[in-house]
Amino acid sequence: MVNPLPLTEADSEVRELTETDFKRARTASEVFAELFGAEPRA
């Protein structure tokens, strides 16, 4: 996988997001599950 562009530019300003950036975005629940394991089922 190719490393994506950083979200900030050299002067620390946030760059304009592209369609590719939005396609790579993940929901918080996906990230949390990856970090903390699957959510317990009730």
PDB file of N, CA and C in Angstrom:
ATOM      1  N   MET A   1       0.845  -1.173   0.000  1.00  0.00           N
ATOM      2  CA  MET A   1       0.000   0.000   0.000  1.00  0.00           C
ATOM      3  C   MET A   1       0.892   1.238   0.000  1.00  0.00           C
ATOM      4  N   VAL A   2       0.581   2.166  -0.830  1.00  0.00           N
ATOM      5  CA  VAL A   2       1.336   3.400  -0.938  1.00  0.00           C
ATOM      6  C   VAL A   2       0.952   4.325   0.212  1.00  0.00           C
ATOM      7  N   ASN A   3       1.948   4.970   0.811  1.00  0.00           N
ATOM      8  CA  ASN A   3       1.658   5.915   1.892  1.00  0.00           C
ATOM      9  C   ASN A   3       0.887   7.102   1.342  1.00  0.00           C
ATOM     10  N   PRO A   4      -0.190   7.489   2.017  1.00  0.00           N
ATOM     11  CA  PRO A   4      -0.977   8.635   1.574  1.00  0.00           C
ATOM     12  C   PRO A   4      -0.243   9.942   1.867  1.00  0.00           C
ATOM     13  N   LEU A   5      -0.680  11.002   1.223  1.00  0.00           N
ATOM     14  CA  LEU A   5      -0.123  12.319   1.499  1.00  0.00           C
ATOM     15  C   LEU A   5      -0.475  12.727   2.920  1.00  0.00           C
ATOM     16  N   PRO A   6       0.421  13.469   3.581  1.00  0.00           N
ATOM     17  CA  PRO A   6       0.047  13.988   4.903  1.00  0.00           C
ATOM     18  C   PRO A   6      -1.119  14.961   4.775  1.00  0.00           C
ATOM     19  N   LEU A   7      -1.887  15.100   5.843  1.00  0.00           N
ATOM     20  CA  LEU A   7      -3.046  15.988   5.811  1.00  0.00           C
ATOM     21  C   LEU A   7      -2.653  17.450   5.980  1.00  0.00           C
ATOM     22  N   THR A   8      -1.396  17.688   6.384  1.00  0.00           N
ATOM     23  CA  THR A   8      -0.933  19.065   6.529  1.00  0.00           C
ATOM     24  C   THR A   8       0.213  19.336   5.571  1.00  0.00           C
ATOM     25  N   GLU A   9       0.368  20.597   5.230  1.00  0.00           N
ATOM     26  CA  GLU A   9       1.447  21.013   4.344  1.00  0.00           C
ATOM     27  C   GLU A   9       2.649  21.439   5.188  1.00  0.00           C
ATOM     28  N   ALA A  10       3.751  21.807   4.545  1.00  0.00           N
ATOM     29  CA  ALA A  10       4.987  22.157   5.246  1.00  0.00           C
ATOM     30  C   ALA A  10       4.779  23.269   6.270  1.00  0.00           C
ATOM     31  N   ASP A  11       3.881  24.203   6.007  1.00  0.00           N
ATOM     32  CA  ASP A  11       3.645  25.319   6.934  1.00  0.00           C
ATOM     33  C   ASP A  11       2.593  24.975   7.990  1.00  0.00           C
ATOM     34  N   SER A  12       2.284  23.694   8.137  1.00  0.00           N
ATOM     35  CA  SER A  12       1.335  23.161   9.136  1.00  0.00           C
ATOM     36  C   SER A  12      -0.121  23.500   8.853  1.00  0.00           C
ATOM     37  N   GLU A  13      -0.409  24.020   7.694  1.00  0.00           N
ATOM     38  CA  GLU A  13      -1.798  24.268   7.306  1.00  0.00           C
ATOM     39  C   GLU A  13      -2.388  22.973   6.764  1.00  0.00           C
ATOM     40  N   VAL A  14      -3.653  22.741   7.068  1.00  0.00           N
ATOM     41  CA  VAL A  14      -4.326  21.553   6.546  1.00  0.00           C
ATOM     42  C   VAL A  14      -4.549  21.738   5.054  1.00  0.00           C
ATOM     43  N   ARG A  15      -4.180  20.717   4.286  1.00  0.00           N
ATOM     44  CA  ARG A  15      -4.345  20.798   2.835  1.00  0.00           C
ATOM     45  C   ARG A  15      -5.792  20.491   2.456  1.00  0.00           C
ATOM     46  N   GLU A  16      -6.156  20.822   1.244  1.00  0.00           N
ATOM     47  CA  GLU A  16      -7.491  20.505   0.760  1.00  0.00           C
ATOM     48  C   GLU A  16      -7.615  18.994   0.618  1.00  0.00           C
ATOM     49  N   LEU A  17      -8.688  18.443   1.167  1.00  0.00           N
ATOM     50  CA  LEU A  17      -8.894  17.006   1.080  1.00  0.00           C
ATOM     51  C   LEU A  17      -9.428  16.637  -0.297  1.00  0.00           C
ATOM     52  N   THR A  18      -9.005  15.482  -0.755  1.00  0.00           N
ATOM     53  CA  THR A  18      -9.392  15.015  -2.084  1.00  0.00           C
ATOM     54  C   THR A  18     -10.407  13.880  -1.964  1.00  0.00           C
ATOM     55  N   GLU A  19     -10.955  13.492  -3.080  1.00  0.00           N
ATOM     56  CA  GLU A  19     -11.890  12.371  -3.115  1.00  0.00           C
ATOM     57  C   GLU A  19     -11.212  11.102  -2.593  1.00  0.00           C
ATOM     58  N   THR A  20      -9.936  10.935  -2.906  1.00  0.00           N
ATOM     59  CA  THR A  20      -9.182   9.773  -2.430  1.00  0.00           C
ATOM     60  C   THR A  20      -9.082   9.769  -0.912  1.00  0.00           C
ATOM     61  N   ASP A  21      -8.879  10.945  -0.314  1.00  0.00           N
ATOM     62  CA  ASP A  21      -8.835  11.035   1.154  1.00  0.00           C
ATOM     63  C   ASP A  21     -10.132  10.530   1.757  1.00  0.00           C
ATOM     64  N   PHE A  22     -11.253  10.946   1.200  1.00  0.00           N
ATOM     65  CA  PHE A  22     -12.551  10.546   1.729  1.00  0.00           C
ATOM     66  C   PHE A  22     -12.815   9.058   1.502  1.00  0.00           C
ATOM     67  N   LYS A  23     -12.321   8.499   0.406  1.00  0.00           N
ATOM     68  CA  LYS A  23     -12.489   7.068   0.159  1.00  0.00           C
ATOM     69  C   LYS A  23     -11.707   6.238   1.171  1.00  0.00           C
ATOM     70  N   ARG A  24     -10.587   6.762   1.662  1.00  0.00           N
ATOM     71  CA  ARG A  24      -9.759   6.051   2.627  1.00  0.00           C
ATOM     72  C   ARG A  24     -10.258   6.203   4.064  1.00  0.00           C
ATOM     73  N   ALA A  25     -11.165   7.123   4.301  1.00  0.00           N
ATOM     74  CA  ALA A  25     -11.650   7.394   5.657  1.00  0.00           C
ATOM     75  C   ALA A  25     -12.360   6.166   6.229  1.00  0.00           C
ATOM     76  N   ARG A  26     -12.237   6.008   7.546  1.00  0.00           N
ATOM     77  CA  ARG A  26     -12.894   4.902   8.228  1.00  0.00           C
ATOM     78  C   ARG A  26     -13.729   5.459   9.370  1.00  0.00           C
ATOM     79  N   THR A  27     -14.742   4.731   9.745  1.00  0.00           N
ATOM     80  CA  THR A  27     -15.582   5.160  10.847  1.00  0.00           C
ATOM     81  C   THR A  27     -14.855   4.922  12.170  1.00  0.00           C
ATOM     82  N   ALA A  28     -15.263   5.655  13.193  1.00  0.00           N
ATOM     83  CA  ALA A  28     -14.662   5.489  14.516  1.00  0.00           C
ATOM     84  C   ALA A  28     -14.843   4.062  15.016  1.00  0.00           C
ATOM     85  N   SER A  29     -15.993   3.468  14.754  1.00  0.00           N
ATOM     86  CA  SER A  29     -16.233   2.103  15.237  1.00  0.00           C
ATOM     87  C   SER A  29     -15.251   1.105  14.618  1.00  0.00           C
ATOM     88  N   GLU A  30     -14.863   1.309  13.374  1.00  0.00           N
ATOM     89  CA  GLU A  30     -13.861   0.446  12.744  1.00  0.00           C
ATOM     90  C   GLU A  30     -12.496   0.609  13.418  1.00  0.00           C
ATOM     91  N   VAL A  31     -12.125   1.850  13.671  1.00  0.00           N
ATOM     92  CA  VAL A  31     -10.830   2.116  14.290  1.00  0.00           C
ATOM     93  C   VAL A  31     -10.805   1.589  15.715  1.00  0.00           C
ATOM     94  N   PHE A  32     -11.871   1.850  16.488  1.00  0.00           N
ATOM     95  CA  PHE A  32     -11.925   1.385  17.872  1.00  0.00           C
ATOM     96  C   PHE A  32     -11.862  -0.137  17.936  1.00  0.00           C
ATOM     97  N   ALA A  33     -12.576  -0.809  17.055  1.00  0.00           N
ATOM     98  CA  ALA A  33     -12.566  -2.270  17.048  1.00  0.00           C
ATOM     99  C   ALA A  33     -11.144  -2.771  16.789  1.00  0.00           C
ATOM    100  N   GLU A  34     -10.426  -2.124  15.900  1.00  0.00           N
ATOM    101  CA  GLU A  34      -9.056  -2.506  15.595  1.00  0.00           C
ATOM    102  C   GLU A  34      -8.141  -2.267  16.804  1.00  0.00           C
ATOM    103  N   LEU A  35      -8.349  -1.159  17.496  1.00  0.00           N
ATOM    104  CA  LEU A  35      -7.494  -0.813  18.642  1.00  0.00           C
ATOM    105  C   LEU A  35      -7.821  -1.630  19.892  1.00  0.00           C
ATOM    106  N   PHE A  36      -9.100  -1.836  20.157  1.00  0.00           N
ATOM    107  CA  PHE A  36      -9.521  -2.402  21.430  1.00  0.00           C
ATOM    108  C   PHE A  36     -10.152  -3.780  21.315  1.00  0.00           C
ATOM    109  N   GLY A  37     -10.250  -4.309  20.126  1.00  0.00           N
ATOM    110  CA  GLY A  37     -10.895  -5.602  19.950  1.00  0.00           C
ATOM    111  C   GLY A  37     -12.374  -5.417  19.649  1.00  0.00           C
ATOM    112  N   ALA A  38     -13.011  -6.485  19.313  1.00  0.00           N
ATOM    113  CA  ALA A  38     -14.426  -6.434  18.950  1.00  0.00           C
ATOM    114  C   ALA A  38     -15.265  -5.995  20.135  1.00  0.00           C
ATOM    115  N   GLU A  39     -16.349  -5.277  19.840  1.00  0.00           N
ATOM    116  CA  GLU A  39     -17.279  -4.838  20.869  1.00  0.00           C
ATOM    117  C   GLU A  39     -18.013  -6.033  21.429  1.00  0.00           C
ATOM    118  N   PRO A  40     -18.180  -6.069  22.753  1.00  0.00           N
ATOM    119  CA  PRO A  40     -18.982  -7.178  23.321  1.00  0.00           C
ATOM    120  C   PRO A  40     -20.441  -7.045  22.898  1.00  0.00           C
ATOM    121  N   ARG A  41     -21.042  -8.150  22.593  1.00  0.00           N
ATOM    122  CA  ARG A  41     -22.458  -8.172  22.197  1.00  0.00           C
ATOM    123  C   ARG A  41     -23.327  -8.250  23.431  1.00  0.00           C
ATOM    124  N   ALA A  42     -24.440  -7.529  23.420  1.00  0.00           N
ATOM    125  CA  ALA A  42     -25.343  -7.524  24.588  1.00  0.00           C
ATOM    126  C   ALA A  42     -26.242  -8.741  24.569  1.00  0.00           C
TER     127      ALA A  42
END
